[in-house]
Amino acid sequence: MFKLLILDVDGVLTTGLKTYDINGRVISKTFGDRDFTAIKQFICAGIKTIFLSGDQQVNAAVAKSRDIPFYYSRMESGQLSKADCAKEILKKYQIDKKETIFVGDDLFDAEMRSFCSFMACPANSHYLMKRNSDLILNTSSGYGCIQELFEYMVSKSMIEEPSKESVITKDSSESVKY
């Protein structure tokens, strides 16, 4: 039984493309909205869902508005280490790797294989993620990867499908304003 879903953000929930201003700051990213619905479905199915990202400028704010815990994977030295964060996350939530799902897309995500029993990646992922994943999704980054993963897991009876009403209630609790 799965209890935790750890999601990389850039290249999974986003297309991986960023717009920069003239000072080199990220000013926009493209997320796929259907993935946020799928995240709510995972949560309502009893699976704790968190973001794990090396970019906190935009991603932490998105996580906060959606009431999703955010973990920053860059050390003070600037080194990116999702493995170090994964150890902390599993300990904090008292969850075993057998109960953990991870979705990532890049070279930096491949080290997460040691911290989950099920790993998936978008169709356009780095070859090392594809080599290490249990499932290579048909969907590319930012175009509904998490939706596809949710539907796959429900269809394979790996998770229970939550009620539509519980997902609507969860949606109403977010502080997203359009």
Protein backbone atom coordinates (compact mmCIF):
# COMPACT_ATOMS: atom_id res chain seq x y z
CA MET A 1 0.00 0.00 0.00
CA PHE A 2 1.40 3.36 -1.00
CA LYS A 3 1.41 6.18 1.55
CA LEU A 4 3.68 8.84 -0.01
CA LEU A 5 4.04 10.46 -3.44
CA ILE A 6 7.16 12.57 -3.93
CA LEU A 7 7.07 14.81 -7.00
CA ASP A 8 9.88 16.62 -8.70
CA VAL A 9 8.38 19.83 -10.08
CA ASP A 10 10.32 21.22 -13.06
CA GLY A 11 10.11 18.81 -15.94
CA VAL A 12 7.29 16.82 -14.34
CA LEU A 13 4.55 19.27 -13.34
CA THR A 14 5.99 21.91 -15.66
CA THR A 15 7.11 21.65 -19.25
CA GLY A 16 10.64 22.27 -17.98
CA LEU A 17 10.76 25.53 -19.92
CA LYS A 18 11.27 28.81 -18.05
CA THR A 19 11.04 32.46 -19.03
CA TYR A 20 13.78 34.68 -17.62
CA ASP A 21 13.90 38.45 -17.20
CA ILE A 22 16.94 40.51 -18.27
CA ASN A 23 18.51 39.95 -14.84
CA GLY A 24 18.36 36.16 -15.19
CA ARG A 25 15.45 35.64 -12.78
CA VAL A 26 12.72 33.14 -13.61
CA ILE A 27 9.50 35.00 -14.29
CA SER A 28 7.27 32.19 -15.52
CA LYS A 29 6.84 28.45 -15.90
CA THR A 30 4.07 26.41 -17.50
CA PHE A 31 2.22 23.90 -15.29
CA GLY A 32 -0.44 21.44 -16.41
CA ASP A 33 -3.66 22.03 -14.44
CA ARG A 34 -4.90 18.44 -14.80
CA ASP A 35 -1.91 17.36 -12.75
CA PHE A 36 -3.18 19.44 -9.84
CA THR A 37 -6.50 17.58 -10.06
CA ALA A 38 -4.61 14.28 -10.03
CA ILE A 39 -2.60 15.44 -6.99
CA LYS A 40 -5.88 16.11 -5.18
CA GLN A 41 -7.04 12.63 -6.16
CA PHE A 42 -3.86 11.07 -4.76
CA ILE A 43 -4.30 13.03 -1.52
CA CYS A 44 -7.96 12.05 -1.24
CA ALA A 45 -6.92 8.42 -1.82
CA GLY A 46 -4.88 8.74 1.39
CA ILE A 47 -1.48 9.28 -0.22
CA LYS A 48 0.55 12.12 1.29
CA THR A 49 1.91 14.20 -1.59
CA ILE A 50 4.93 16.49 -1.47
CA PHE A 51 7.07 18.56 -3.84
CA LEU A 52 10.85 18.04 -3.90
CA SER A 53 12.64 20.65 -5.99
CA GLY A 54 15.93 22.44 -6.42
CA ASP A 55 14.07 25.66 -7.35
CA GLN A 56 12.25 27.35 -4.53
CA GLN A 57 11.67 30.70 -6.21
CA VAL A 58 8.42 29.73 -7.92
CA ASN A 59 7.79 26.15 -6.81
CA ALA A 60 7.55 26.85 -3.07
CA ALA A 61 4.90 29.51 -3.70
CA VAL A 62 2.89 27.16 -5.94
CA ALA A 63 3.11 24.42 -3.29
CA LYS A 64 2.01 26.82 -0.54
CA SER A 65 -1.04 28.02 -2.50
CA ARG A 66 -2.02 24.39 -3.08
CA ASP A 67 -1.34 23.31 0.52
CA ILE A 68 1.35 20.83 -0.57
CA PRO A 69 4.47 20.40 1.58
CA PHE A 70 7.61 21.66 -0.20
CA TYR A 71 11.16 20.39 0.28
CA TYR A 72 14.10 22.29 -1.15
CA SER A 73 16.79 19.93 -2.39
CA ARG A 74 19.66 22.39 -2.75
CA MET A 75 22.18 22.54 0.10
CA GLU A 76 23.69 25.80 1.36
CA SER A 77 26.77 24.91 -0.70
CA GLY A 78 24.58 24.96 -3.81
CA GLN A 79 24.84 21.19 -4.29
CA LEU A 80 21.65 19.47 -5.36
CA SER A 81 20.89 16.35 -3.28
CA LYS A 82 17.45 14.85 -3.48
CA ALA A 83 18.78 11.72 -1.74
CA ASP A 84 19.61 13.68 1.42
CA CYS A 85 16.13 15.20 1.39
CA ALA A 86 14.52 11.80 0.79
CA LYS A 87 16.15 10.39 3.92
CA GLU A 88 14.73 13.30 5.93
CA ILE A 89 11.28 13.00 4.34
CA LEU A 90 10.91 9.25 4.94
CA LYS A 91 12.06 9.68 8.54
CA LYS A 92 9.76 12.66 9.18
CA TYR A 93 6.65 10.91 7.85
CA GLN A 94 7.73 7.51 9.26
CA ILE A 95 7.22 5.93 5.85
CA ASP A 96 9.23 3.10 4.36
CA LYS A 97 10.54 3.23 0.81
CA LYS A 98 8.19 0.29 0.01
CA GLU A 99 5.30 2.72 0.55
CA THR A 100 6.75 5.50 -1.61
CA ILE A 101 6.20 6.61 -5.21
CA PHE A 102 8.56 9.08 -6.90
CA VAL A 103 8.14 10.93 -10.19
CA GLY A 104 11.11 12.74 -11.72
CA ASP A 105 12.55 13.53 -15.11
CA ASP A 106 16.21 14.48 -14.94
CA LEU A 107 19.64 13.08 -14.19
CA PHE A 108 19.41 14.56 -10.68
CA ASP A 109 16.28 12.52 -9.97
CA ALA A 110 17.73 9.09 -10.78
CA GLU A 111 19.27 8.83 -7.28
CA MET A 112 15.73 8.60 -5.87
CA ARG A 113 15.54 4.95 -6.97
CA SER A 114 16.97 4.00 -3.57
CA PHE A 115 14.15 5.79 -1.73
CA CYS A 116 11.01 4.47 -3.41
CA SER A 117 9.50 1.19 -4.51
CA PHE A 118 7.78 2.69 -7.55
CA MET A 119 9.38 5.28 -9.80
CA ALA A 120 7.85 6.89 -12.88
CA CYS A 121 9.00 9.49 -15.37
CA PRO A 122 7.56 11.56 -18.25
CA ALA A 123 8.07 10.38 -21.84
CA ASN A 124 10.70 13.05 -22.51
CA SER A 125 12.88 12.29 -19.45
CA HIS A 126 16.64 11.89 -19.23
CA TYR A 127 17.74 8.40 -20.30
CA LEU A 128 18.92 7.50 -16.77
CA MET A 129 15.46 8.20 -15.38
CA LYS A 130 13.94 6.03 -18.08
CA ARG A 131 16.43 3.25 -17.33
CA ASN A 132 15.65 3.35 -13.58
CA SER A 133 11.87 3.82 -13.71
CA ASP A 134 9.16 1.22 -13.27
CA LEU A 135 6.92 3.21 -15.60
CA ILE A 136 7.78 5.54 -18.47
CA LEU A 137 4.66 7.59 -18.97
CA ASN A 138 3.33 8.27 -22.47
CA THR A 139 2.84 11.91 -21.51
CA SER A 140 5.58 14.54 -21.75
CA SER A 141 6.52 16.98 -18.98
CA GLY A 142 3.81 19.46 -18.02
CA TYR A 143 1.07 17.84 -20.08
CA GLY A 144 -0.68 15.64 -17.54
CA CYS A 145 1.98 13.18 -16.34
CA ILE A 146 0.52 12.92 -12.86
CA GLN A 147 -2.97 12.50 -14.28
CA GLU A 148 -1.69 9.59 -16.39
CA LEU A 149 0.09 8.09 -13.36
CA PHE A 150 -3.07 8.33 -11.25
CA GLU A 151 -5.19 6.67 -13.92
CA TYR A 152 -2.56 3.94 -14.39
CA MET A 153 -2.39 3.19 -10.68
CA VAL A 154 -6.18 3.08 -10.30
CA SER A 155 -6.55 0.85 -13.38
CA LYS A 156 -3.92 -1.57 -11.99
CA SER A 157 -5.60 -1.53 -8.52
CA MET A 158 -2.43 -0.11 -7.00
CA ILE A 159 -4.44 2.65 -5.28
CA GLU A 160 -8.12 3.24 -4.52
CA GLU A 161 -10.02 5.86 -6.45
CA PRO A 162 -11.40 8.53 -4.09
CA SER A 163 -14.90 9.91 -4.35
CA LYS A 164 -15.48 12.85 -6.65
CA GLU A 165 -16.98 14.74 -3.69
CA SER A 166 -13.81 14.40 -1.60
CA VAL A 167 -11.72 15.81 -4.47
CA ILE A 168 -14.11 18.75 -4.88
CA THR A 169 -13.89 19.45 -1.13
CA LYS A 170 -10.08 19.32 -1.29
CA ASP A 171 -10.10 21.71 -4.25
CA SER A 172 -12.23 24.18 -2.27
CA SER A 173 -9.64 24.24 0.53
CA GLU A 174 -6.82 25.57 -1.66
CA SER A 175 -5.95 29.25 -1.71
CA VAL A 176 -5.59 29.43 -5.50
CA LYS A 177 -7.23 32.49 -6.98
CA TYR A 178 -7.75 32.96 -10.71
